[in-house]
């Protein structure tokens, strides 16, 4: 994954983690306007980043237009928030690991991840 893609993925993950943490502590979700504002703010911070390049060793990624970028957030109650280019179809590759991790954490708990896979220095 190029620097450009990695930075954008990190921002998108940060948005998910920020709102996911509210769920973990049984706090109510922020208002729709706050969620949309956070999403739009995150998008604005990284949408114009042009550093790096698409991975070209995977044919599906080499074909992707490097100028497209969008963020989608789905809350636990099913509300969908989007910004940017969310109509393009692209190969999700390694980001699918995040969804697998979330499923394992939901079904087996956070400790199961640490016990069976471990965590890196950033925790």
PDB file of N, CA and C in Angstrom:
ATOM      1  N   UNK A   1       0.842  -1.162   0.000  1.00  0.00           N
ATOM      2  CA  UNK A   1       0.000   0.000   0.000  1.00  0.00           C
ATOM      3  C   UNK A   1       0.892   1.230   0.000  1.00  0.00           C
ATOM      4  N   UNK A   2       0.631   2.190  -0.886  1.00  0.00           N
ATOM      5  CA  UNK A   2       1.430   3.398  -0.946  1.00  0.00           C
ATOM      6  C   UNK A   2       1.150   4.306   0.231  1.00  0.00           C
ATOM      7  N   UNK A   3       2.006   5.298   0.402  1.00  0.00           N
ATOM      8  CA  UNK A   3       1.853   6.238   1.509  1.00  0.00           C
ATOM      9  C   UNK A   3       0.509   6.935   1.426  1.00  0.00           C
ATOM     10  N   UNK A   4       0.127   7.340   0.236  1.00  0.00           N
ATOM     11  CA  UNK A   4      -1.135   8.058   0.053  1.00  0.00           C
ATOM     12  C   UNK A   4      -2.299   7.202   0.525  1.00  0.00           C
ATOM     13  N   UNK A   5      -2.338   5.978   0.101  1.00  0.00           N
ATOM     14  CA  UNK A   5      -3.416   5.072   0.483  1.00  0.00           C
ATOM     15  C   UNK A   5      -3.385   4.786   1.965  1.00  0.00           C
ATOM     16  N   UNK A   6      -2.206   4.583   2.510  1.00  0.00           N
ATOM     17  CA  UNK A   6      -2.062   4.259   3.929  1.00  0.00           C
ATOM     18  C   UNK A   6      -2.565   5.415   4.795  1.00  0.00           C
ATOM     19  N   UNK A   7      -2.206   6.658   4.452  1.00  0.00           N
ATOM     20  CA  UNK A   7      -2.647   7.809   5.231  1.00  0.00           C
ATOM     21  C   UNK A   7      -4.157   7.945   5.208  1.00  0.00           C
ATOM     22  N   UNK A   8      -4.747   7.765   4.060  1.00  0.00           N
ATOM     23  CA  UNK A   8      -6.193   7.882   3.954  1.00  0.00           C
ATOM     24  C   UNK A   8      -6.881   6.756   4.725  1.00  0.00           C
ATOM     25  N   UNK A   9      -6.328   5.574   4.655  1.00  0.00           N
ATOM     26  CA  UNK A   9      -6.910   4.452   5.395  1.00  0.00           C
ATOM     27  C   UNK A   9      -6.830   4.708   6.890  1.00  0.00           C
ATOM     28  N   UNK A  10      -5.738   5.297   7.356  1.00  0.00           N
ATOM     29  CA  UNK A  10      -5.592   5.586   8.779  1.00  0.00           C
ATOM     30  C   UNK A  10      -6.610   6.610   9.254  1.00  0.00           C
ATOM     31  N   UNK A  11      -6.864   7.616   8.443  1.00  0.00           N
ATOM     32  CA  UNK A  11      -7.856   8.617   8.827  1.00  0.00           C
ATOM     33  C   UNK A  11      -9.239   7.987   8.878  1.00  0.00           C
ATOM     34  N   UNK A  12      -9.565   7.180   7.888  1.00  0.00           N
ATOM     35  CA  UNK A  12     -10.862   6.513   7.885  1.00  0.00           C
ATOM     36  C   UNK A  12     -10.997   5.607   9.097  1.00  0.00           C
ATOM     37  N   UNK A  13      -9.941   4.889   9.433  1.00  0.00           N
ATOM     38  CA  UNK A  13      -9.972   4.008  10.595  1.00  0.00           C
ATOM     39  C   UNK A  13     -10.119   4.824  11.868  1.00  0.00           C
ATOM     40  N   UNK A  14      -9.486   5.979  11.923  1.00  0.00           N
ATOM     41  CA  UNK A  14      -9.592   6.826  13.115  1.00  0.00           C
ATOM     42  C   UNK A  14     -11.023   7.284  13.333  1.00  0.00           C
ATOM     43  N   UNK A  15     -11.728   7.591  12.255  1.00  0.00           N
ATOM     44  CA  UNK A  15     -13.128   7.993  12.372  1.00  0.00           C
ATOM     45  C   UNK A  15     -13.942   6.849  12.952  1.00  0.00           C
ATOM     46  N   UNK A  16     -13.723   5.651  12.425  1.00  0.00           N
ATOM     47  CA  UNK A  16     -14.447   4.482  12.913  1.00  0.00           C
ATOM     48  C   UNK A  16     -14.115   4.210  14.375  1.00  0.00           C
ATOM     49  N   UNK A  17     -12.843   4.279  14.728  1.00  0.00           N
ATOM     50  CA  UNK A  17     -12.429   4.022  16.100  1.00  0.00           C
ATOM     51  C   UNK A  17     -13.005   5.077  17.041  1.00  0.00           C
ATOM     52  N   UNK A  18     -13.015   6.328  16.611  1.00  0.00           N
ATOM     53  CA  UNK A  18     -13.538   7.395  17.464  1.00  0.00           C
ATOM     54  C   UNK A  18     -14.998   7.147  17.821  1.00  0.00           C
ATOM     55  N   UNK A  19     -15.786   6.751  16.841  1.00  0.00           N
ATOM     56  CA  UNK A  19     -17.192   6.512  17.120  1.00  0.00           C
ATOM     57  C   UNK A  19     -17.403   5.131  17.724  1.00  0.00           C
ATOM     58  N   UNK A  20     -16.548   4.194  17.398  1.00  0.00           N
ATOM     59  CA  UNK A  20     -16.637   2.876  17.991  1.00  0.00           C
ATOM     60  C   UNK A  20     -16.362   2.915  19.483  1.00  0.00           C
ATOM     61  N   UNK A  21     -15.470   3.816  19.908  1.00  0.00           N
ATOM     62  CA  UNK A  21     -15.154   3.901  21.332  1.00  0.00           C
ATOM     63  C   UNK A  21     -16.358   4.357  22.135  1.00  0.00           C
ATOM     64  N   UNK A  22     -17.227   5.143  21.535  1.00  0.00           N
ATOM     65  CA  UNK A  22     -18.447   5.547  22.231  1.00  0.00           C
ATOM     66  C   UNK A  22     -19.303   4.331  22.542  1.00  0.00           C
ATOM     67  N   UNK A  23     -19.321   3.382  21.622  1.00  0.00           N
ATOM     68  CA  UNK A  23     -20.108   2.177  21.794  1.00  0.00           C
ATOM     69  C   UNK A  23     -19.506   1.308  22.892  1.00  0.00           C
ATOM     70  N   UNK A  24     -18.193   1.196  22.900  1.00  0.00           N
ATOM     71  CA  UNK A  24     -17.517   0.348  23.871  1.00  0.00           C
ATOM     72  C   UNK A  24     -17.792   0.799  25.302  1.00  0.00           C
ATOM     73  N   UNK A  25     -18.013   2.082  25.501  1.00  0.00           N
ATOM     74  CA  UNK A  25     -18.254   2.599  26.834  1.00  0.00           C
ATOM     75  C   UNK A  25     -19.733   2.871  27.086  1.00  0.00           C
ATOM     76  N   UNK A  26     -20.583   2.332  26.233  1.00  0.00           N
ATOM     77  CA  UNK A  26     -22.034   2.435  26.359  1.00  0.00           C
ATOM     78  C   UNK A  26     -22.509   3.886  26.413  1.00  0.00           C
ATOM     79  N   UNK A  27     -21.788   4.773  25.772  1.00  0.00           N
ATOM     80  CA  UNK A  27     -22.208   6.164  25.684  1.00  0.00           C
ATOM     81  C   UNK A  27     -23.063   6.311  24.436  1.00  0.00           C
ATOM     82  N   UNK A  28     -23.955   7.271  24.419  1.00  0.00           N
ATOM     83  CA  UNK A  28     -24.760   7.469  23.217  1.00  0.00           C
ATOM     84  C   UNK A  28     -23.888   7.948  22.058  1.00  0.00           C
ATOM     85  N   UNK A  29     -24.294   7.598  20.859  1.00  0.00           N
ATOM     86  CA  UNK A  29     -23.579   8.077  19.686  1.00  0.00           C
ATOM     87  C   UNK A  29     -23.715   9.593  19.589  1.00  0.00           C
ATOM     88  N   UNK A  30     -22.727  10.254  19.019  1.00  0.00           N
ATOM     89  CA  UNK A  30     -22.850  11.700  18.790  1.00  0.00           C
ATOM     90  C   UNK A  30     -24.035  11.969  17.862  1.00  0.00           C
ATOM     91  N   UNK A  31     -24.483  13.207  17.828  1.00  0.00           N
ATOM     92  CA  UNK A  31     -25.596  13.582  16.953  1.00  0.00           C
ATOM     93  C   UNK A  31     -25.208  13.363  15.494  1.00  0.00           C
ATOM     94  N   UNK A  32     -26.230  13.261  14.644  1.00  0.00           N
ATOM     95  CA  UNK A  32     -25.976  13.068  13.212  1.00  0.00           C
ATOM     96  C   UNK A  32     -25.136  14.203  12.656  1.00  0.00           C
ATOM     97  N   UNK A  33     -25.398  15.425  13.095  1.00  0.00           N
ATOM     98  CA  UNK A  33     -24.632  16.559  12.579  1.00  0.00           C
ATOM     99  C   UNK A  33     -23.165  16.484  13.004  1.00  0.00           C
ATOM    100  N   UNK A  34     -22.890  16.003  14.222  1.00  0.00           N
ATOM    101  CA  UNK A  34     -21.497  15.862  14.675  1.00  0.00           C
ATOM    102  C   UNK A  34     -20.792  14.744  13.922  1.00  0.00           C
ATOM    103  N   UNK A  35     -21.489  13.659  13.664  1.00  0.00           N
ATOM    104  CA  UNK A  35     -20.890  12.556  12.903  1.00  0.00           C
ATOM    105  C   UNK A  35     -20.555  13.024  11.499  1.00  0.00           C
ATOM    106  N   UNK A  36     -21.503  13.679  10.844  1.00  0.00           N
ATOM    107  CA  UNK A  36     -21.273  14.162   9.475  1.00  0.00           C
ATOM    108  C   UNK A  36     -20.139  15.181   9.452  1.00  0.00           C
ATOM    109  N   UNK A  37     -20.098  16.074  10.442  1.00  0.00           N
ATOM    110  CA  UNK A  37     -19.029  17.078  10.500  1.00  0.00           C
ATOM    111  C   UNK A  37     -17.664  16.410  10.678  1.00  0.00           C
ATOM    112  N   UNK A  38     -17.581  15.387  11.543  1.00  0.00           N
ATOM    113  CA  UNK A  38     -16.318  14.671  11.755  1.00  0.00           C
ATOM    114  C   UNK A  38     -15.889  13.958  10.479  1.00  0.00           C
ATOM    115  N   UNK A  39     -16.847  13.368   9.795  1.00  0.00           N
ATOM    116  CA  UNK A  39     -16.546  12.664   8.543  1.00  0.00           C
ATOM    117  C   UNK A  39     -16.050  13.657   7.492  1.00  0.00           C
ATOM    118  N   UNK A  40     -16.760  14.761   7.337  1.00  0.00           N
ATOM    119  CA  UNK A  40     -16.363  15.769   6.358  1.00  0.00           C
ATOM    120  C   UNK A  40     -15.005  16.376   6.704  1.00  0.00           C
ATOM    121  N   UNK A  41     -14.747  16.606   7.983  1.00  0.00           N
ATOM    122  CA  UNK A  41     -13.469  17.155   8.425  1.00  0.00           C
ATOM    123  C   UNK A  41     -12.332  16.181   8.124  1.00  0.00           C
ATOM    124  N   UNK A  42     -12.554  14.913   8.413  1.00  0.00           N
ATOM    125  CA  UNK A  42     -11.542  13.894   8.125  1.00  0.00           C
ATOM    126  C   UNK A  42     -11.261  13.821   6.633  1.00  0.00           C
ATOM    127  N   UNK A  43     -12.311  13.861   5.848  1.00  0.00           N
ATOM    128  CA  UNK A  43     -12.165  13.824   4.392  1.00  0.00           C
ATOM    129  C   UNK A  43     -11.349  15.021   3.904  1.00  0.00           C
ATOM    130  N   UNK A  44     -11.712  16.209   4.382  1.00  0.00           N
ATOM    131  CA  UNK A  44     -11.023  17.424   3.939  1.00  0.00           C
ATOM    132  C   UNK A  44      -9.543  17.402   4.271  1.00  0.00           C
ATOM    133  N   UNK A  45      -9.178  16.785   5.395  1.00  0.00           N
ATOM    134  CA  UNK A  45      -7.774  16.749   5.810  1.00  0.00           C
ATOM    135  C   UNK A  45      -6.903  15.903   4.892  1.00  0.00           C
ATOM    136  N   UNK A  46      -7.468  14.902   4.233  1.00  0.00           N
ATOM    137  CA  UNK A  46      -6.626  13.995   3.452  1.00  0.00           C
ATOM    138  C   UNK A  46      -6.997  13.879   1.979  1.00  0.00           C
ATOM    139  N   UNK A  47      -8.088  14.455   1.562  1.00  0.00           N
ATOM    140  CA  UNK A  47      -8.557  14.283   0.182  1.00  0.00           C
ATOM    141  C   UNK A  47      -7.563  14.793  -0.862  1.00  0.00           C
ATOM    142  N   UNK A  48      -6.804  15.812  -0.521  1.00  0.00           N
ATOM    143  CA  UNK A  48      -5.886  16.409  -1.497  1.00  0.00           C
ATOM    144  C   UNK A  48      -4.474  15.847  -1.415  1.00  0.00           C
ATOM    145  N   UNK A  49      -4.246  14.865  -0.561  1.00  0.00           N
ATOM    146  CA  UNK A  49      -2.918  14.268  -0.435  1.00  0.00           C
ATOM    147  C   UNK A  49      -2.571  13.572  -1.749  1.00  0.00           C
ATOM    148  N   UNK A  50      -1.417  13.865  -2.280  1.00  0.00           N
ATOM    149  CA  UNK A  50      -0.995  13.274  -3.551  1.00  0.00           C
ATOM    150  C   UNK A  50       0.289  12.462  -3.413  1.00  0.00           C
ATOM    151  N   UNK A  51       0.828  12.341  -2.210  1.00  0.00           N
ATOM    152  CA  UNK A  51       2.067  11.586  -1.983  1.00  0.00           C
ATOM    153  C   UNK A  51       1.810  10.099  -2.195  1.00  0.00           C
ATOM    154  N   UNK A  52       2.848   9.381  -2.535  1.00  0.00           N
ATOM    155  CA  UNK A  52       2.744   7.931  -2.696  1.00  0.00           C
ATOM    156  C   UNK A  52       2.110   7.551  -4.023  1.00  0.00           C
ATOM    157  N   UNK A  53       1.863   6.278  -4.177  1.00  0.00           N
ATOM    158  CA  UNK A  53       1.239   5.781  -5.403  1.00  0.00           C
ATOM    159  C   UNK A  53       0.489   4.496  -5.078  1.00  0.00           C
ATOM    160  N   UNK A  54      -0.408   4.146  -5.955  1.00  0.00           N
ATOM    161  CA  UNK A  54      -1.131   2.890  -5.779  1.00  0.00           C
ATOM    162  C   UNK A  54      -0.166   1.725  -5.897  1.00  0.00           C
ATOM    163  N   UNK A  55      -0.436   0.679  -5.151  1.00  0.00           N
ATOM    164  CA  UNK A  55       0.361  -0.540  -5.287  1.00  0.00           C
ATOM    165  C   UNK A  55       0.170  -1.062  -6.698  1.00  0.00           C
ATOM    166  N   UNK A  56       1.264  -1.343  -7.389  1.00  0.00           N
ATOM    167  CA  UNK A  56       1.133  -1.829  -8.761  1.00  0.00           C
ATOM    168  C   UNK A  56       1.478  -3.309  -8.899  1.00  0.00           C
ATOM    169  N   UNK A  57       1.810  -3.957  -7.787  1.00  0.00           N
ATOM    170  CA  UNK A  57       2.124  -5.385  -7.834  1.00  0.00           C
ATOM    171  C   UNK A  57       0.868  -6.239  -7.740  1.00  0.00           C
ATOM    172  N   UNK A  58      -0.277  -5.602  -7.479  1.00  0.00           N
ATOM    173  CA  UNK A  58      -1.561  -6.296  -7.484  1.00  0.00           C
ATOM    174  C   UNK A  58      -2.373  -5.679  -8.626  1.00  0.00           C
ATOM    175  N   UNK A  59      -2.663  -6.451  -9.675  1.00  0.00           N
ATOM    176  CA  UNK A  59      -3.344  -5.890 -10.844  1.00  0.00           C
ATOM    177  C   UNK A  59      -4.623  -5.122 -10.519  1.00  0.00           C
ATOM    178  N   UNK A  60      -5.425  -5.618  -9.595  1.00  0.00           N
ATOM    179  CA  UNK A  60      -6.680  -4.936  -9.257  1.00  0.00           C
ATOM    180  C   UNK A  60      -6.423  -3.549  -8.687  1.00  0.00           C
ATOM    181  N   UNK A  61      -5.337  -3.384  -7.942  1.00  0.00           N
ATOM    182  CA  UNK A  61      -5.012  -2.081  -7.370  1.00  0.00           C
ATOM    183  C   UNK A  61      -4.352  -1.162  -8.392  1.00  0.00           C
ATOM    184  N   UNK A  62      -3.589  -1.722  -9.285  1.00  0.00           N
ATOM    185  CA  UNK A  62      -2.906  -0.925 -10.303  1.00  0.00           C
ATOM    186  C   UNK A  62      -3.908  -0.218 -11.219  1.00  0.00           C
ATOM    187  N   UNK A  63      -5.098  -0.787 -11.367  1.00  0.00           N
ATOM    188  CA  UNK A  63      -6.122  -0.236 -12.256  1.00  0.00           C
ATOM    189  C   UNK A  63      -6.952   0.875 -11.608  1.00  0.00           C
ATOM    190  N   UNK A  64      -6.820   1.069 -10.310  1.00  0.00           N
ATOM    191  CA  UNK A  64      -7.658   2.038  -9.599  1.00  0.00           C
ATOM    192  C   UNK A  64      -7.188   3.463  -9.863  1.00  0.00           C
ATOM    193  N   UNK A  65      -8.134   4.348 -10.118  1.00  0.00           N
ATOM    194  CA  UNK A  65      -7.839   5.771 -10.279  1.00  0.00           C
ATOM    195  C   UNK A  65      -7.359   6.301  -8.931  1.00  0.00           C
ATOM    196  N   UNK A  66      -6.136   6.789  -8.868  1.00  0.00           N
ATOM    197  CA  UNK A  66      -5.570   7.228  -7.590  1.00  0.00           C
ATOM    198  C   UNK A  66      -6.157   8.549  -7.093  1.00  0.00           C
ATOM    199  N   UNK A  67      -7.027   9.158  -7.861  1.00  0.00           N
ATOM    200  CA  UNK A  67      -7.639  10.417  -7.435  1.00  0.00           C
ATOM    201  C   UNK A  67      -8.959  10.217  -6.695  1.00  0.00           C
ATOM    202  N   UNK A  68      -9.500   9.010  -6.715  1.00  0.00           N
ATOM    203  CA  UNK A  68     -10.767   8.807  -6.017  1.00  0.00           C
ATOM    204  C   UNK A  68     -10.517   8.546  -4.537  1.00  0.00           C
ATOM    205  N   UNK A  69     -11.415   9.058  -3.716  1.00  0.00           N
ATOM    206  CA  UNK A  69     -11.320   8.844  -2.278  1.00  0.00           C
ATOM    207  C   UNK A  69     -12.663   9.162  -1.650  1.00  0.00           C
ATOM    208  N   UNK A  70     -13.111   8.281  -0.816  1.00  0.00           N
ATOM    209  CA  UNK A  70     -14.359   8.500  -0.108  1.00  0.00           C
ATOM    210  C   UNK A  70     -14.319   7.769   1.219  1.00  0.00           C
ATOM    211  N   UNK A  71     -15.199   8.164   2.111  1.00  0.00           N
ATOM    212  CA  UNK A  71     -15.308   7.518   3.415  1.00  0.00           C
ATOM    213  C   UNK A  71     -16.771   7.163   3.631  1.00  0.00           C
ATOM    214  N   UNK A  72     -17.016   5.962   4.113  1.00  0.00           N
ATOM    215  CA  UNK A  72     -18.355   5.549   4.512  1.00  0.00           C
ATOM    216  C   UNK A  72     -18.289   5.077   5.949  1.00  0.00           C
ATOM    217  N   UNK A  73     -19.257   5.491   6.736  1.00  0.00           N
ATOM    218  CA  UNK A  73     -19.343   5.102   8.138  1.00  0.00           C
ATOM    219  C   UNK A  73     -20.751   4.584   8.377  1.00  0.00           C
ATOM    220  N   UNK A  74     -20.841   3.389   8.944  1.00  0.00           N
ATOM    221  CA  UNK A  74     -22.137   2.819   9.297  1.00  0.00           C
ATOM    222  C   UNK A  74     -22.142   2.631  10.801  1.00  0.00           C
ATOM    223  N   UNK A  75     -23.114   3.249  11.476  1.00  0.00           N
ATOM    224  CA  UNK A  75     -23.204   3.139  12.925  1.00  0.00           C
ATOM    225  C   UNK A  75     -23.866   1.814  13.297  1.00  0.00           C
ATOM    226  N   UNK A  76     -23.771   1.454  14.559  1.00  0.00           N
ATOM    227  CA  UNK A  76     -24.342   0.190  15.015  1.00  0.00           C
ATOM    228  C   UNK A  76     -25.853   0.162  14.859  1.00  0.00           C
ATOM    229  N   UNK A  77     -26.481   1.330  14.795  1.00  0.00           N
ATOM    230  CA  UNK A  77     -27.930   1.347  14.615  1.00  0.00           C
ATOM    231  C   UNK A  77     -28.329   1.452  13.145  1.00  0.00           C
ATOM    232  N   UNK A  78     -27.343   1.305  12.249  1.00  0.00           N
ATOM    233  CA  UNK A  78     -27.637   1.200  10.823  1.00  0.00           C
ATOM    234  C   UNK A  78     -27.634   2.482  10.021  1.00  0.00           C
ATOM    235  N   UNK A  79     -27.345   3.617  10.633  1.00  0.00           N
ATOM    236  CA  UNK A  79     -27.265   4.856   9.869  1.00  0.00           C
ATOM    237  C   UNK A  79     -25.989   4.861   9.035  1.00  0.00           C
ATOM    238  N   UNK A  80     -26.111   5.304   7.796  1.00  0.00           N
ATOM    239  CA  UNK A  80     -24.973   5.348   6.879  1.00  0.00           C
ATOM    240  C   UNK A  80     -24.629   6.805   6.589  1.00  0.00           C
ATOM    241  N   UNK A  81     -23.363   7.129   6.769  1.00  0.00           N
ATOM    242  CA  UNK A  81     -22.856   8.473   6.492  1.00  0.00           C
ATOM    243  C   UNK A  81     -21.733   8.330   5.464  1.00  0.00           C
ATOM    244  N   UNK A  82     -21.752   9.164   4.449  1.00  0.00           N
ATOM    245  CA  UNK A  82     -20.716   9.091   3.420  1.00  0.00           C
ATOM    246  C   UNK A  82     -20.244  10.489   3.042  1.00  0.00           C
ATOM    247  N   UNK A  83     -19.048  10.525   2.508  1.00  0.00           N
ATOM    248  CA  UNK A  83     -18.514  11.748   1.932  1.00  0.00           C
ATOM    249  C   UNK A  83     -17.488  11.367   0.875  1.00  0.00           C
ATOM    250  N   UNK A  84     -17.344  12.228  -0.111  1.00  0.00           N
ATOM    251  CA  UNK A  84     -16.377  11.971  -1.176  1.00  0.00           C
ATOM    252  C   UNK A  84     -16.913  11.010  -2.222  1.00  0.00           C
ATOM    253  N   UNK A  85     -16.013  10.371  -2.926  1.00  0.00           N
ATOM    254  CA  UNK A  85     -16.368   9.465  -4.008  1.00  0.00           C
ATOM    255  C   UNK A  85     -16.668   8.084  -3.438  1.00  0.00           C
ATOM    256  N   UNK A  86     -17.914   7.811  -3.209  1.00  0.00           N
ATOM    257  CA  UNK A  86     -18.301   6.519  -2.639  1.00  0.00           C
ATOM    258  C   UNK A  86     -19.056   5.649  -3.642  1.00  0.00           C
ATOM    259  N   UNK A  87     -19.118   6.074  -4.883  1.00  0.00           N
ATOM    260  CA  UNK A  87     -19.818   5.302  -5.914  1.00  0.00           C
ATOM    261  C   UNK A  87     -18.869   4.405  -6.719  1.00  0.00           C
ATOM    262  N   UNK A  88     -17.582   4.678  -6.655  1.00  0.00           N
ATOM    263  CA  UNK A  88     -16.612   3.890  -7.414  1.00  0.00           C
ATOM    264  C   UNK A  88     -16.435   2.514  -6.791  1.00  0.00           C
ATOM    265  N   UNK A  89     -16.280   1.517  -7.626  1.00  0.00           N
ATOM    266  CA  UNK A  89     -16.007   0.172  -7.138  1.00  0.00           C
ATOM    267  C   UNK A  89     -14.506  -0.069  -7.197  1.00  0.00           C
ATOM    268  N   UNK A  90     -13.945  -0.456  -6.055  1.00  0.00           N
ATOM    269  CA  UNK A  90     -12.517  -0.731  -5.973  1.00  0.00           C
ATOM    270  C   UNK A  90     -12.295  -2.001  -5.167  1.00  0.00           C
ATOM    271  N   UNK A  91     -11.147  -2.583  -5.352  1.00  0.00           N
ATOM    272  CA  UNK A  91     -10.764  -3.769  -4.604  1.00  0.00           C
ATOM    273  C   UNK A  91     -10.356  -3.351  -3.202  1.00  0.00           C
ATOM    274  N   UNK A  92     -10.925  -3.995  -2.169  1.00  0.00           N
ATOM    275  CA  UNK A  92     -10.640  -3.556  -0.805  1.00  0.00           C
ATOM    276  C   UNK A  92      -9.378  -4.178  -0.217  1.00  0.00           C
ATOM    277  N   UNK A  93      -8.883  -5.262  -0.776  1.00  0.00           N
ATOM    278  CA  UNK A  93      -7.640  -5.893  -0.352  1.00  0.00           C
ATOM    279  C   UNK A  93      -7.503  -6.003   1.164  1.00  0.00           C
ATOM    280  N   UNK A  94      -6.436  -5.469   1.733  1.00  0.00           N
ATOM    281  CA  UNK A  94      -6.113  -5.673   3.148  1.00  0.00           C
ATOM    282  C   UNK A  94      -7.083  -5.012   4.116  1.00  0.00           C
ATOM    283  N   UNK A  95      -7.837  -4.021   3.675  1.00  0.00           N
ATOM    284  CA  UNK A  95      -8.779  -3.382   4.588  1.00  0.00           C
ATOM    285  C   UNK A  95      -9.836  -4.387   5.045  1.00  0.00           C
ATOM    286  N   UNK A  96      -9.997  -5.476   4.310  1.00  0.00           N
ATOM    287  CA  UNK A  96     -10.951  -6.509   4.729  1.00  0.00           C
ATOM    288  C   UNK A  96     -10.542  -7.114   6.071  1.00  0.00           C
ATOM    289  N   UNK A  97      -9.269  -7.011   6.409  1.00  0.00           N
ATOM    290  CA  UNK A  97      -8.790  -7.544   7.692  1.00  0.00           C
ATOM    291  C   UNK A  97      -9.441  -6.812   8.870  1.00  0.00           C
ATOM    292  N   UNK A  98      -9.756  -5.544   8.697  1.00  0.00           N
ATOM    293  CA  UNK A  98     -10.399  -4.775   9.758  1.00  0.00           C
ATOM    294  C   UNK A  98     -11.772  -5.358  10.076  1.00  0.00           C
ATOM    295  N   UNK A  99     -12.510  -5.744   9.038  1.00  0.00           N
ATOM    296  CA  UNK A  99     -13.843  -6.307   9.244  1.00  0.00           C
ATOM    297  C   UNK A  99     -13.756  -7.688   9.894  1.00  0.00           C
ATOM    298  N   UNK A 100     -12.765  -8.452   9.506  1.00  0.00           N
ATOM    299  CA  UNK A 100     -12.554  -9.758  10.125  1.00  0.00           C
ATOM    300  C   UNK A 100     -12.197  -9.587  11.598  1.00  0.00           C
ATOM    301  N   UNK A 101     -11.328  -8.641  11.890  1.00  0.00           N
ATOM    302  CA  UNK A 101     -10.952  -8.353  13.278  1.00  0.00           C
ATOM    303  C   UNK A 101     -12.174  -7.961  14.099  1.00  0.00           C
ATOM    304  N   UNK A 102     -13.013  -7.091  13.550  1.00  0.00           N
ATOM    305  CA  UNK A 102     -14.212  -6.660  14.271  1.00  0.00           C
ATOM    306  C   UNK A 102     -15.124  -7.842  14.564  1.00  0.00           C
ATOM    307  N   UNK A 103     -15.260  -8.742  13.611  1.00  0.00           N
ATOM    308  CA  UNK A 103     -16.103  -9.924  13.805  1.00  0.00           C
ATOM    309  C   UNK A 103     -15.537 -10.825  14.900  1.00  0.00           C
ATOM    310  N   UNK A 104     -14.232 -11.051  14.874  1.00  0.00           N
ATOM    311  CA  UNK A 104     -13.591 -11.880  15.910  1.00  0.00           C
ATOM    312  C   UNK A 104     -13.769 -11.233  17.278  1.00  0.00           C
ATOM    313  N   UNK A 105     -13.572  -9.922  17.361  1.00  0.00           N
ATOM    314  CA  UNK A 105     -13.727  -9.231  18.638  1.00  0.00           C
ATOM    315  C   UNK A 105     -15.160  -9.333  19.144  1.00  0.00           C
ATOM    316  N   UNK A 106     -16.106  -9.244  18.233  1.00  0.00           N
ATOM    317  CA  UNK A 106     -17.509  -9.348  18.630  1.00  0.00           C
ATOM    318  C   UNK A 106     -17.850 -10.761  19.115  1.00  0.00           C
ATOM    319  N   UNK A 107     -17.360 -11.765  18.396  1.00  0.00           N
ATOM    320  CA  UNK A 107     -17.709 -13.144  18.720  1.00  0.00           C
ATOM    321  C   UNK A 107     -16.882 -13.744  19.849  1.00  0.00           C
ATOM    322  N   UNK A 108     -15.603 -13.371  19.917  1.00  0.00           N
ATOM    323  CA  UNK A 108     -14.697 -14.000  20.886  1.00  0.00           C
ATOM    324  C   UNK A 108     -14.154 -13.056  21.937  1.00  0.00           C
ATOM    325  N   UNK A 109     -14.281 -11.769  21.714  1.00  0.00           N
ATOM    326  CA  UNK A 109     -13.783 -10.783  22.662  1.00  0.00           C
ATOM    327  C   UNK A 109     -12.387 -10.293  22.308  1.00  0.00           C
ATOM    328  N   UNK A 110     -12.050  -9.157  22.866  1.00  0.00           N
ATOM    329  CA  UNK A 110     -10.756  -8.527  22.583  1.00  0.00           C
ATOM    330  C   UNK A 110      -9.594  -9.387  23.070  1.00  0.00           C
ATOM    331  N   UNK A 111      -9.756 -10.028  24.209  1.00  0.00           N
ATOM    332  CA  UNK A 111      -8.680 -10.838  24.771  1.00  0.00           C
ATOM    333  C   UNK A 111      -8.295 -11.973  23.839  1.00  0.00           C
ATOM    334  N   UNK A 112      -9.263 -12.518  23.087  1.00  0.00           N
ATOM    335  CA  UNK A 112      -8.969 -13.608  22.156  1.00  0.00           C
ATOM    336  C   UNK A 112      -7.990 -13.162  21.077  1.00  0.00           C
ATOM    337  N   UNK A 113      -8.107 -11.911  20.654  1.00  0.00           N
ATOM    338  CA  UNK A 113      -7.184 -11.386  19.649  1.00  0.00           C
ATOM    339  C   UNK A 113      -5.780 -11.320  20.227  1.00  0.00           C
ATOM    340  N   UNK A 114      -5.673 -10.758  21.419  1.00  0.00           N
ATOM    341  CA  UNK A 114      -4.359 -10.640  22.047  1.00  0.00           C
ATOM    342  C   UNK A 114      -3.747 -12.008  22.314  1.00  0.00           C
ATOM    343  N   UNK A 115      -4.565 -12.943  22.806  1.00  0.00           N
ATOM    344  CA  UNK A 115      -4.059 -14.284  23.149  1.00  0.00           C
ATOM    345  C   UNK A 115      -3.639 -15.090  21.930  1.00  0.00           C
ATOM    346  N   UNK A 116      -4.353 -14.972  20.829  1.00  0.00           N
ATOM    347  CA  UNK A 116      -4.122 -15.814  19.664  1.00  0.00           C
ATOM    348  C   UNK A 116      -3.321 -15.158  18.548  1.00  0.00           C
ATOM    349  N   UNK A 117      -3.387 -13.849  18.471  1.00  0.00           N
ATOM    350  CA  UNK A 117      -2.684 -13.160  17.386  1.00  0.00           C
ATOM    351  C   UNK A 117      -1.602 -12.249  17.945  1.00  0.00           C
ATOM    352  N   UNK A 118      -1.928 -11.574  19.032  1.00  0.00           N
ATOM    353  CA  UNK A 118      -0.999 -10.614  19.614  1.00  0.00           C
ATOM    354  C   UNK A 118      -1.304  -9.221  19.122  1.00  0.00           C
ATOM    355  N   UNK A 119      -0.595  -8.255  19.668  1.00  0.00           N
ATOM    356  CA  UNK A 119      -0.733  -6.864  19.243  1.00  0.00           C
ATOM    357  C   UNK A 119       0.660  -6.305  19.023  1.00  0.00           C
ATOM    358  N   UNK A 120       0.735  -5.285  18.170  1.00  0.00           N
ATOM    359  CA  UNK A 120       2.039  -4.695  17.916  1.00  0.00           C
ATOM    360  C   UNK A 120       2.338  -3.613  18.946  1.00  0.00           C
ATOM    361  N   UNK A 121       3.468  -2.970  18.803  1.00  0.00           N
ATOM    362  CA  UNK A 121       3.911  -1.982  19.785  1.00  0.00           C
ATOM    363  C   UNK A 121       2.962  -0.814  19.929  1.00  0.00           C
ATOM    364  N   UNK A 122       2.184  -0.514  18.891  1.00  0.00           N
ATOM    365  CA  UNK A 122       1.247   0.604  18.981  1.00  0.00           C
ATOM    366  C   UNK A 122      -0.027   0.189  19.689  1.00  0.00           C
ATOM    367  N   UNK A 123      -0.211  -1.114  19.899  1.00  0.00           N
ATOM    368  CA  UNK A 123      -1.316  -1.629  20.695  1.00  0.00           C
ATOM    369  C   UNK A 123      -2.661  -1.437  20.091  1.00  0.00           C
TER     370      UNK A 123
END
